[in-house]
N, C-alpha and C. Protein backbone atom coordinates (compact mmCIF):
# COMPACT_ATOMS: atom_id res chain seq x y z
N UNK A 1 0.82 -1.19 0.00
CA UNK A 1 0.00 0.00 0.00
C UNK A 1 0.87 1.27 0.00
N UNK A 2 1.97 1.22 0.79
CA UNK A 2 2.87 2.36 0.83
C UNK A 2 3.51 2.62 -0.52
N UNK A 3 3.87 1.55 -1.22
CA UNK A 3 4.50 1.72 -2.53
C UNK A 3 3.53 2.32 -3.53
N UNK A 4 2.26 1.96 -3.40
CA UNK A 4 1.26 2.47 -4.31
C UNK A 4 1.07 3.98 -4.11
N UNK A 5 1.01 4.43 -2.83
CA UNK A 5 0.85 5.86 -2.53
C UNK A 5 2.10 6.63 -2.95
N UNK A 6 3.27 6.10 -2.65
CA UNK A 6 4.52 6.76 -3.02
C UNK A 6 4.64 6.85 -4.54
N UNK A 7 4.22 5.83 -5.24
CA UNK A 7 4.27 5.85 -6.70
C UNK A 7 3.35 6.90 -7.29
N UNK A 8 2.15 7.03 -6.71
CA UNK A 8 1.20 8.03 -7.20
C UNK A 8 1.72 9.45 -6.94
N UNK A 9 2.28 9.67 -5.75
CA UNK A 9 2.82 10.98 -5.43
C UNK A 9 3.97 11.33 -6.39
N UNK A 10 4.81 10.34 -6.66
CA UNK A 10 5.93 10.56 -7.57
C UNK A 10 5.43 10.86 -8.98
N UNK A 11 4.38 10.18 -9.42
CA UNK A 11 3.84 10.41 -10.76
C UNK A 11 3.25 11.83 -10.88
N UNK A 12 2.50 12.27 -9.84
CA UNK A 12 1.93 13.62 -9.88
C UNK A 12 3.04 14.66 -9.86
N UNK A 13 4.07 14.43 -9.06
CA UNK A 13 5.19 15.36 -8.99
C UNK A 13 5.90 15.47 -10.34
N UNK A 14 6.13 14.37 -10.98
CA UNK A 14 6.78 14.39 -12.29
C UNK A 14 5.90 15.10 -13.32
N UNK A 15 4.58 14.87 -13.24
CA UNK A 15 3.67 15.54 -14.16
C UNK A 15 3.74 17.05 -13.98
N UNK A 16 3.81 17.52 -12.75
CA UNK A 16 3.88 18.97 -12.49
C UNK A 16 5.19 19.55 -13.01
N UNK A 17 6.30 18.85 -12.85
CA UNK A 17 7.57 19.35 -13.36
C UNK A 17 7.56 19.41 -14.89
N UNK A 18 6.96 18.43 -15.53
CA UNK A 18 6.85 18.45 -17.00
C UNK A 18 5.99 19.63 -17.44
N UNK A 19 4.89 19.88 -16.71
CA UNK A 19 4.00 20.99 -17.05
C UNK A 19 4.71 22.34 -16.86
N UNK A 20 5.50 22.48 -15.79
CA UNK A 20 6.25 23.73 -15.58
C UNK A 20 7.28 23.95 -16.66
N UNK A 21 7.88 22.87 -17.15
CA UNK A 21 8.86 23.00 -18.22
C UNK A 21 8.20 23.46 -19.51
N UNK A 22 6.96 23.06 -19.74
CA UNK A 22 6.24 23.47 -20.94
C UNK A 22 5.74 24.90 -20.83
N UNK A 23 5.27 25.29 -19.62
CA UNK A 23 4.67 26.61 -19.44
C UNK A 23 5.66 27.50 -18.69
N UNK A 24 6.46 28.27 -19.44
CA UNK A 24 7.50 29.12 -18.86
C UNK A 24 6.92 30.25 -18.01
N UNK A 25 5.75 30.77 -18.35
CA UNK A 25 5.14 31.86 -17.60
C UNK A 25 4.81 31.42 -16.17
N UNK A 26 4.24 30.24 -16.02
CA UNK A 26 3.92 29.72 -14.69
C UNK A 26 5.19 29.51 -13.88
N UNK A 27 6.21 28.96 -14.52
CA UNK A 27 7.47 28.75 -13.82
C UNK A 27 8.08 30.08 -13.37
N UNK A 28 8.03 31.07 -14.25
CA UNK A 28 8.54 32.40 -13.89
C UNK A 28 7.78 33.01 -12.73
N UNK A 29 6.48 32.81 -12.69
CA UNK A 29 5.67 33.36 -11.60
C UNK A 29 5.94 32.61 -10.29
N UNK A 30 6.14 31.33 -10.36
CA UNK A 30 6.42 30.55 -9.15
C UNK A 30 7.74 31.00 -8.51
N UNK A 31 8.71 31.31 -9.34
CA UNK A 31 10.01 31.76 -8.83
C UNK A 31 10.05 33.28 -8.63
N UNK A 32 9.51 34.04 -9.58
CA UNK A 32 9.66 35.49 -9.57
C UNK A 32 8.81 36.23 -8.55
N UNK A 33 7.57 35.81 -8.36
CA UNK A 33 6.68 36.54 -7.44
C UNK A 33 7.20 36.51 -6.00
N UNK A 34 7.61 35.38 -5.46
CA UNK A 34 8.15 35.43 -4.08
C UNK A 34 9.41 36.28 -3.95
N UNK A 35 10.28 36.26 -4.95
CA UNK A 35 11.49 37.10 -4.90
C UNK A 35 11.10 38.57 -4.96
N UNK A 36 10.14 38.91 -5.80
CA UNK A 36 9.67 40.29 -5.88
C UNK A 36 9.04 40.73 -4.56
N UNK A 37 8.26 39.86 -3.94
CA UNK A 37 7.65 40.19 -2.65
C UNK A 37 8.72 40.40 -1.58
N UNK A 38 9.72 39.57 -1.57
CA UNK A 38 10.80 39.73 -0.59
C UNK A 38 11.49 41.08 -0.75
N UNK A 39 11.76 41.46 -1.98
CA UNK A 39 12.43 42.75 -2.22
C UNK A 39 11.53 43.92 -1.83
N UNK A 40 10.28 43.89 -2.24
CA UNK A 40 9.38 45.00 -1.94
C UNK A 40 9.10 45.12 -0.46
N UNK A 41 8.77 44.01 0.20
CA UNK A 41 8.44 44.06 1.62
C UNK A 41 9.67 44.35 2.47
N UNK A 42 10.83 44.00 1.98
CA UNK A 42 12.04 44.33 2.72
C UNK A 42 12.27 45.82 2.84
N UNK A 43 11.84 46.57 1.83
CA UNK A 43 11.99 48.02 1.88
C UNK A 43 10.74 48.72 2.41
N UNK A 44 9.57 48.13 2.18
CA UNK A 44 8.32 48.80 2.54
C UNK A 44 7.98 48.65 4.01
N UNK A 45 8.23 47.51 4.59
CA UNK A 45 7.88 47.28 5.99
C UNK A 45 9.07 47.65 6.85
N UNK A 46 8.86 48.63 7.72
CA UNK A 46 9.94 49.13 8.56
C UNK A 46 9.55 48.92 10.02
N UNK A 47 10.22 48.03 10.72
CA UNK A 47 9.93 47.78 12.13
C UNK A 47 10.75 48.67 13.05
N UNK A 48 11.53 49.55 12.49
CA UNK A 48 12.36 50.43 13.30
C UNK A 48 12.13 51.88 12.87
N UNK A 49 10.98 52.43 13.23
CA UNK A 49 10.66 53.78 12.76
C UNK A 49 11.55 54.84 13.41
N UNK A 50 11.78 55.89 12.69
CA UNK A 50 12.63 56.99 13.16
C UNK A 50 11.83 58.29 13.10
N UNK A 51 12.38 59.33 13.75
CA UNK A 51 11.83 60.68 13.72
C UNK A 51 10.37 60.73 14.17
N UNK A 52 10.10 60.17 15.35
CA UNK A 52 8.75 60.18 15.91
C UNK A 52 8.54 61.50 16.67
N UNK A 53 7.42 62.18 16.45
CA UNK A 53 7.20 63.46 17.12
C UNK A 53 7.07 63.27 18.64
N UNK A 54 7.78 64.09 19.39
CA UNK A 54 7.87 63.94 20.84
C UNK A 54 7.67 65.30 21.51
N UNK A 55 6.96 65.28 22.64
CA UNK A 55 6.79 66.48 23.45
C UNK A 55 7.52 66.28 24.77
N UNK A 56 8.06 67.37 25.30
CA UNK A 56 8.77 67.33 26.59
C UNK A 56 7.96 68.07 27.64
N UNK A 57 7.97 67.52 28.85
CA UNK A 57 7.43 68.20 30.02
C UNK A 57 8.49 68.06 31.10
N UNK A 58 9.30 69.11 31.27
CA UNK A 58 10.45 69.05 32.17
C UNK A 58 10.22 70.00 33.34
N UNK A 59 10.28 69.45 34.56
CA UNK A 59 10.16 70.27 35.77
C UNK A 59 11.50 70.48 36.44
N UNK A 60 12.53 69.81 35.99
CA UNK A 60 13.85 69.92 36.61
C UNK A 60 14.82 70.43 35.55
N UNK A 61 15.22 71.66 35.65
CA UNK A 61 16.11 72.26 34.66
C UNK A 61 17.53 72.23 35.21
N UNK A 62 18.32 71.28 34.73
CA UNK A 62 19.70 71.13 35.19
C UNK A 62 20.54 70.59 34.04
N UNK A 63 21.82 70.43 34.29
CA UNK A 63 22.72 69.89 33.27
C UNK A 63 22.36 68.44 32.94
N UNK A 64 21.90 67.69 33.92
CA UNK A 64 21.53 66.29 33.69
C UNK A 64 20.33 66.21 32.75
N UNK A 65 19.30 67.00 33.03
CA UNK A 65 18.12 66.95 32.17
C UNK A 65 18.40 67.51 30.78
N UNK A 66 19.26 68.52 30.69
CA UNK A 66 19.65 69.01 29.36
C UNK A 66 20.43 67.94 28.60
N UNK A 67 21.23 67.18 29.30
CA UNK A 67 21.97 66.10 28.67
C UNK A 67 21.02 65.01 28.16
N UNK A 68 20.02 64.69 28.95
CA UNK A 68 19.03 63.69 28.52
C UNK A 68 18.25 64.21 27.31
N UNK A 69 17.86 65.47 27.35
CA UNK A 69 17.15 66.08 26.22
C UNK A 69 18.00 66.07 24.96
N UNK A 70 19.28 66.41 25.10
CA UNK A 70 20.18 66.38 23.94
C UNK A 70 20.35 64.97 23.40
N UNK A 71 20.40 63.98 24.28
CA UNK A 71 20.52 62.59 23.84
C UNK A 71 19.28 62.18 23.05
N UNK A 72 18.11 62.60 23.49
CA UNK A 72 16.88 62.30 22.76
C UNK A 72 16.86 62.99 21.40
N UNK A 73 17.28 64.26 21.38
CA UNK A 73 17.30 65.00 20.11
C UNK A 73 18.31 64.41 19.13
N UNK A 74 19.45 63.94 19.63
CA UNK A 74 20.50 63.42 18.76
C UNK A 74 20.20 62.02 18.26
N UNK A 75 19.31 61.32 18.93
CA UNK A 75 18.93 60.00 18.43
C UNK A 75 18.05 60.20 17.20
N UNK A 76 18.00 59.23 16.39
CA UNK A 76 17.15 59.35 15.20
C UNK A 76 15.72 58.92 15.49
N UNK A 77 15.44 58.48 16.70
CA UNK A 77 14.10 58.02 17.03
C UNK A 77 13.14 59.17 17.31
N UNK A 78 13.61 60.22 17.94
CA UNK A 78 12.72 61.26 18.44
C UNK A 78 13.00 62.60 17.78
N UNK A 79 11.93 63.28 17.39
CA UNK A 79 11.99 64.68 16.96
C UNK A 79 11.19 65.47 17.98
N UNK A 80 11.86 66.28 18.76
CA UNK A 80 11.18 67.05 19.79
C UNK A 80 10.51 68.24 19.11
N UNK A 81 9.18 68.19 19.10
CA UNK A 81 8.40 69.21 18.40
C UNK A 81 7.73 70.17 19.37
N UNK A 82 7.56 69.77 20.62
CA UNK A 82 6.88 70.63 21.59
C UNK A 82 7.58 70.52 22.93
N UNK A 83 7.52 71.62 23.70
CA UNK A 83 8.00 71.63 25.07
C UNK A 83 6.96 72.36 25.90
N UNK A 84 6.39 71.68 26.90
CA UNK A 84 5.29 72.23 27.68
C UNK A 84 5.73 72.50 29.11
N UNK A 85 5.08 73.49 29.71
CA UNK A 85 5.30 73.79 31.12
C UNK A 85 4.12 73.34 31.96
N UNK A 86 3.06 72.83 31.31
CA UNK A 86 1.87 72.33 32.00
C UNK A 86 1.62 70.90 31.52
N UNK A 87 1.43 69.99 32.47
CA UNK A 87 1.25 68.58 32.13
C UNK A 87 -0.01 68.35 31.30
N UNK A 88 -1.06 69.11 31.55
CA UNK A 88 -2.31 68.92 30.81
C UNK A 88 -2.14 69.20 29.32
N UNK A 89 -1.32 70.17 28.96
CA UNK A 89 -1.08 70.47 27.55
C UNK A 89 -0.35 69.32 26.85
N UNK A 90 0.61 68.74 27.55
CA UNK A 90 1.33 67.59 26.98
C UNK A 90 0.40 66.41 26.79
N UNK A 91 -0.48 66.18 27.77
CA UNK A 91 -1.44 65.08 27.64
C UNK A 91 -2.43 65.32 26.50
N UNK A 92 -2.85 66.55 26.33
CA UNK A 92 -3.75 66.88 25.22
C UNK A 92 -3.08 66.62 23.87
N UNK A 93 -1.81 66.98 23.75
CA UNK A 93 -1.09 66.73 22.50
C UNK A 93 -1.03 65.24 22.19
N UNK A 94 -0.83 64.44 23.22
CA UNK A 94 -0.79 62.98 23.03
C UNK A 94 -2.16 62.45 22.66
N UNK A 95 -3.21 62.95 23.32
CA UNK A 95 -4.57 62.49 23.02
C UNK A 95 -5.01 62.88 21.62
N UNK A 96 -4.64 64.07 21.16
CA UNK A 96 -5.00 64.53 19.81
C UNK A 96 -4.22 63.78 18.73
N UNK A 97 -3.10 63.20 19.10
CA UNK A 97 -2.26 62.52 18.10
C UNK A 97 -1.22 63.42 17.49
N UNK A 98 -1.01 64.60 18.06
CA UNK A 98 0.01 65.51 17.54
C UNK A 98 1.42 64.97 17.79
N UNK A 99 1.59 64.25 18.88
CA UNK A 99 2.89 63.66 19.22
C UNK A 99 2.70 62.18 19.50
N UNK A 100 3.77 61.42 19.34
CA UNK A 100 3.73 59.99 19.63
C UNK A 100 4.23 59.69 21.04
N UNK A 101 5.03 60.61 21.61
CA UNK A 101 5.59 60.41 22.94
C UNK A 101 5.55 61.71 23.72
N UNK A 102 5.40 61.56 25.04
CA UNK A 102 5.57 62.68 25.97
C UNK A 102 6.60 62.22 27.00
N UNK A 103 7.70 62.95 27.08
CA UNK A 103 8.77 62.63 28.04
C UNK A 103 8.62 63.60 29.21
N UNK A 104 8.42 63.05 30.41
CA UNK A 104 8.24 63.87 31.61
C UNK A 104 9.39 63.62 32.56
N UNK A 105 10.12 64.68 32.87
CA UNK A 105 11.19 64.61 33.87
C UNK A 105 10.69 65.37 35.10
N UNK A 106 10.50 64.68 36.23
CA UNK A 106 9.88 65.31 37.39
C UNK A 106 10.82 66.29 38.10
N UNK A 107 10.21 67.11 38.94
CA UNK A 107 10.97 68.07 39.73
C UNK A 107 11.87 67.32 40.72
N UNK A 108 13.09 67.76 40.86
CA UNK A 108 14.02 67.14 41.79
C UNK A 108 14.69 65.89 41.26
N UNK A 109 14.60 65.64 39.97
CA UNK A 109 15.21 64.44 39.38
C UNK A 109 16.72 64.41 39.61
N UNK A 110 17.39 65.52 39.31
CA UNK A 110 18.84 65.58 39.46
C UNK A 110 19.25 65.46 40.91
N UNK A 111 18.51 66.12 41.78
CA UNK A 111 18.83 66.08 43.21
C UNK A 111 18.73 64.64 43.74
N UNK A 112 17.66 63.95 43.35
CA UNK A 112 17.49 62.55 43.79
C UNK A 112 18.58 61.66 43.21
N UNK A 113 18.94 61.91 41.95
CA UNK A 113 19.97 61.12 41.30
C UNK A 113 21.31 61.27 42.02
N UNK A 114 21.66 62.50 42.35
CA UNK A 114 22.94 62.75 43.02
C UNK A 114 22.96 62.27 44.46
N UNK A 115 21.79 62.18 45.10
CA UNK A 115 21.72 61.64 46.45
C UNK A 115 21.76 60.12 46.47
N UNK A 116 21.70 59.49 45.32
CA UNK A 116 21.77 58.04 45.25
C UNK A 116 20.41 57.37 45.29
N UNK A 117 19.34 58.13 45.18
CA UNK A 117 18.00 57.55 45.16
C UNK A 117 17.71 57.01 43.76
N UNK A 118 16.52 56.52 43.57
CA UNK A 118 16.11 55.95 42.29
C UNK A 118 15.02 56.81 41.64
N UNK A 119 15.40 57.94 41.04
CA UNK A 119 14.38 58.76 40.37
C UNK A 119 13.94 58.10 39.06
N UNK A 120 12.80 58.52 38.57
CA UNK A 120 12.30 57.93 37.33
C UNK A 120 11.87 59.01 36.35
N UNK A 121 11.92 58.66 35.10
CA UNK A 121 11.45 59.51 34.01
C UNK A 121 10.22 58.82 33.44
N UNK A 122 9.16 59.58 33.21
CA UNK A 122 7.93 59.02 32.66
C UNK A 122 7.92 59.23 31.16
N UNK A 123 7.74 58.14 30.43
CA UNK A 123 7.62 58.19 28.98
C UNK A 123 6.21 57.72 28.65
N UNK A 124 5.39 58.61 28.13
CA UNK A 124 4.04 58.25 27.71
C UNK A 124 4.05 58.08 26.21
N UNK A 125 3.54 56.94 25.75
CA UNK A 125 3.60 56.63 24.33
C UNK A 125 2.21 56.37 23.77
N UNK A 126 2.00 56.82 22.57
CA UNK A 126 0.77 56.52 21.85
C UNK A 126 0.88 55.09 21.34
N UNK A 127 0.00 54.22 21.81
CA UNK A 127 0.11 52.79 21.51
C UNK A 127 -0.68 52.37 20.28
N UNK A 128 -1.04 53.31 19.42
CA UNK A 128 -1.73 52.91 18.20
C UNK A 128 -0.80 52.19 17.24
N UNK A 129 0.50 52.42 17.35
CA UNK A 129 1.50 51.69 16.58
C UNK A 129 2.45 51.02 17.59
N UNK A 130 2.13 49.80 18.03
CA UNK A 130 2.92 49.18 19.10
C UNK A 130 4.37 48.91 18.74
N UNK A 131 4.67 48.60 17.49
CA UNK A 131 6.07 48.32 17.15
C UNK A 131 6.92 49.58 17.27
N UNK A 132 6.36 50.72 16.90
CA UNK A 132 7.11 51.98 17.05
C UNK A 132 7.33 52.29 18.52
N UNK A 133 6.31 52.07 19.33
CA UNK A 133 6.42 52.38 20.76
C UNK A 133 7.45 51.50 21.45
N UNK A 134 7.43 50.22 21.16
CA UNK A 134 8.34 49.29 21.83
C UNK A 134 9.79 49.59 21.46
N UNK A 135 10.07 49.77 20.19
CA UNK A 135 11.45 50.04 19.77
C UNK A 135 11.96 51.38 20.29
N UNK A 136 11.11 52.40 20.27
CA UNK A 136 11.54 53.70 20.76
C UNK A 136 11.74 53.70 22.27
N UNK A 137 10.89 52.97 23.00
CA UNK A 137 11.07 52.90 24.45
C UNK A 137 12.36 52.16 24.81
N UNK A 138 12.69 51.14 24.05
CA UNK A 138 13.96 50.45 24.30
C UNK A 138 15.14 51.37 24.01
N UNK A 139 15.02 52.16 22.97
CA UNK A 139 16.10 53.10 22.62
C UNK A 139 16.25 54.19 23.67
N UNK A 140 15.13 54.72 24.16
CA UNK A 140 15.22 55.80 25.14
C UNK A 140 15.78 55.29 26.46
N UNK A 141 15.52 54.07 26.79
CA UNK A 141 16.08 53.50 28.02
C UNK A 141 17.60 53.46 27.94
N UNK A 142 18.14 53.05 26.82
CA UNK A 142 19.59 53.00 26.67
C UNK A 142 20.19 54.40 26.55
N UNK A 143 19.53 55.28 25.81
CA UNK A 143 20.05 56.64 25.63
C UNK A 143 20.15 57.39 26.94
N UNK A 144 19.05 57.41 27.68
CA UNK A 144 19.03 58.22 28.89
C UNK A 144 19.85 57.60 30.00
N UNK A 145 19.88 56.29 30.09
CA UNK A 145 20.66 55.65 31.15
C UNK A 145 22.15 55.93 30.94
N UNK A 146 22.61 55.79 29.73
CA UNK A 146 24.02 56.05 29.47
C UNK A 146 24.38 57.51 29.64
N UNK A 147 23.57 58.42 29.13
CA UNK A 147 23.86 59.84 29.19
C UNK A 147 23.78 60.33 30.63
N UNK A 148 22.75 59.92 31.35
CA UNK A 148 22.59 60.39 32.73
C UNK A 148 23.67 59.82 33.62
N UNK A 149 24.02 58.57 33.40
CA UNK A 149 25.07 57.98 34.21
C UNK A 149 26.41 58.65 34.00
N UNK A 150 26.74 59.01 32.77
CA UNK A 150 28.02 59.66 32.48
C UNK A 150 28.09 61.04 33.12
N UNK A 151 27.04 61.86 32.93
CA UNK A 151 27.15 63.24 33.41
C UNK A 151 27.10 63.31 34.93
N UNK A 152 26.26 62.50 35.58
CA UNK A 152 26.18 62.57 37.04
C UNK A 152 27.41 61.94 37.68
N UNK A 153 27.92 60.87 37.12
CA UNK A 153 29.08 60.19 37.69
C UNK A 153 30.32 61.08 37.62
N UNK A 154 30.48 61.80 36.54
CA UNK A 154 31.65 62.66 36.40
C UNK A 154 31.61 63.84 37.38
N UNK A 155 30.44 64.33 37.72
CA UNK A 155 30.34 65.48 38.60
C UNK A 155 30.50 65.13 40.08
N UNK A 156 29.93 64.00 40.50
CA UNK A 156 29.89 63.71 41.92
C UNK A 156 30.42 62.31 42.22
N UNK A 157 31.50 61.94 41.62
CA UNK A 157 32.00 60.56 41.74
C UNK A 157 32.34 60.19 43.18
N UNK A 158 32.76 61.15 43.99
CA UNK A 158 33.17 60.80 45.35
C UNK A 158 31.98 60.52 46.26
N UNK A 159 30.77 60.95 45.90
CA UNK A 159 29.62 60.78 46.78
C UNK A 159 28.77 59.57 46.42
N UNK A 160 28.99 58.99 45.26
CA UNK A 160 28.14 57.89 44.83
C UNK A 160 28.89 56.57 44.90
N UNK A 161 28.27 55.52 45.47
CA UNK A 161 28.95 54.24 45.57
C UNK A 161 29.10 53.52 44.23
N UNK A 162 28.25 53.79 43.26
CA UNK A 162 28.34 53.17 41.94
C UNK A 162 27.82 54.15 40.90
N UNK A 163 28.13 53.92 39.63
CA UNK A 163 27.63 54.84 38.61
C UNK A 163 26.11 54.91 38.63
N UNK A 164 25.51 56.09 38.50
CA UNK A 164 24.08 56.25 38.59
C UNK A 164 23.30 55.60 37.46
N UNK A 165 23.96 55.16 36.40
CA UNK A 165 23.21 54.54 35.32
C UNK A 165 22.48 53.29 35.78
N UNK A 166 22.88 52.73 36.90
CA UNK A 166 22.19 51.56 37.44
C UNK A 166 21.24 51.94 38.57
N UNK A 167 21.10 53.22 38.84
CA UNK A 167 20.37 53.64 40.02
C UNK A 167 19.09 54.41 39.70
N UNK A 168 18.59 54.32 38.49
CA UNK A 168 17.34 54.98 38.17
C UNK A 168 16.66 54.21 37.06
N UNK A 169 15.41 54.50 36.80
CA UNK A 169 14.71 53.76 35.76
C UNK A 169 13.69 54.65 35.07
N UNK A 170 13.09 54.09 34.05
CA UNK A 170 12.07 54.79 33.28
C UNK A 170 10.75 54.10 33.52
N UNK A 171 9.74 54.85 33.88
CA UNK A 171 8.39 54.32 33.98
C UNK A 171 7.70 54.61 32.66
N UNK A 172 7.26 53.59 31.98
CA UNK A 172 6.69 53.76 30.64
C UNK A 172 5.18 53.57 30.69
N UNK A 173 4.46 54.42 30.02
CA UNK A 173 3.02 54.34 29.92
C UNK A 173 2.64 54.38 28.45
N UNK A 174 1.84 53.43 28.02
CA UNK A 174 1.36 53.45 26.64
C UNK A 174 -0.13 53.69 26.66
N UNK A 175 -0.61 54.52 25.74
CA UNK A 175 -2.03 54.86 25.69
C UNK A 175 -2.60 54.60 24.32
N UNK A 176 -3.81 54.10 24.30
CA UNK A 176 -4.58 54.05 23.05
C UNK A 176 -5.22 55.43 22.89
N UNK A 177 -6.18 55.55 22.00
CA UNK A 177 -6.76 56.86 21.72
C UNK A 177 -7.42 57.50 22.94
N UNK A 178 -8.31 56.81 23.64
CA UNK A 178 -8.91 57.47 24.80
C UNK A 178 -8.61 56.78 26.12
N UNK A 179 -8.97 55.50 26.34
CA UNK A 179 -8.61 54.91 27.64
C UNK A 179 -7.13 54.57 27.68
N UNK A 180 -6.54 54.66 28.84
CA UNK A 180 -5.10 54.42 28.92
C UNK A 180 -4.81 53.01 29.39
N UNK A 181 -3.85 52.40 28.74
CA UNK A 181 -3.34 51.11 29.14
C UNK A 181 -1.96 51.36 29.67
N UNK A 182 -1.75 51.06 30.92
CA UNK A 182 -0.50 51.44 31.55
C UNK A 182 0.33 50.21 31.86
N UNK A 183 1.59 50.27 31.50
CA UNK A 183 2.54 49.26 31.93
C UNK A 183 3.77 50.00 32.40
N UNK A 184 4.17 49.75 33.63
CA UNK A 184 5.30 50.49 34.14
C UNK A 184 6.28 49.54 34.79
N UNK A 185 7.51 49.96 34.83
CA UNK A 185 8.58 49.17 35.43
C UNK A 185 8.77 49.64 36.87
N UNK A 186 8.94 48.71 37.77
CA UNK A 186 9.09 49.05 39.18
C UNK A 186 10.45 49.71 39.38
N UNK A 187 10.44 50.87 40.02
CA UNK A 187 11.67 51.63 40.23
C UNK A 187 12.28 51.38 41.61
N UNK A 188 11.69 50.51 42.37
CA UNK A 188 12.20 50.33 43.74
C UNK A 188 13.28 49.27 43.84
N UNK A 189 13.33 48.36 42.89
CA UNK A 189 14.27 47.24 42.98
C UNK A 189 15.50 47.50 42.32
């Protein structure tokens, strides 16, 4: 019985190869269309978006926060288009869709960092495009941790037991259009 099934499968396979040899257009489509799709989708689908509009809400104006802001501006992920002095305006920009991210640096961030506490930066992201939000949040975590650790460690090295890049974190919030879905990282551990 096995030989009979294997023989039939082999006969159908040979028939298809003979048919492809006769019909060059079908053979070209079988080979050409997947290659064309690979080339087109390789350029069209971008899982690493750049130049996302970002708003800042900074309550702590110091060299550390300026360094973090410069790191965000110099990255290709974020284009800082707005800077607000009121949190409600930044939230409205995010709700309207004018910006994809709102970066909030709380009051006393630098002071807490230099005292060795664990201050946090709030990154609010528009979650209508989750791949953009995830990649940009990963990038901002590396950018700000490295930049903040370098500038604070160089200024107050004698008062800190370890580089501050390991002593603070980012609390991330992602929002859909109206209700908010929040996921944050614990800053206490």
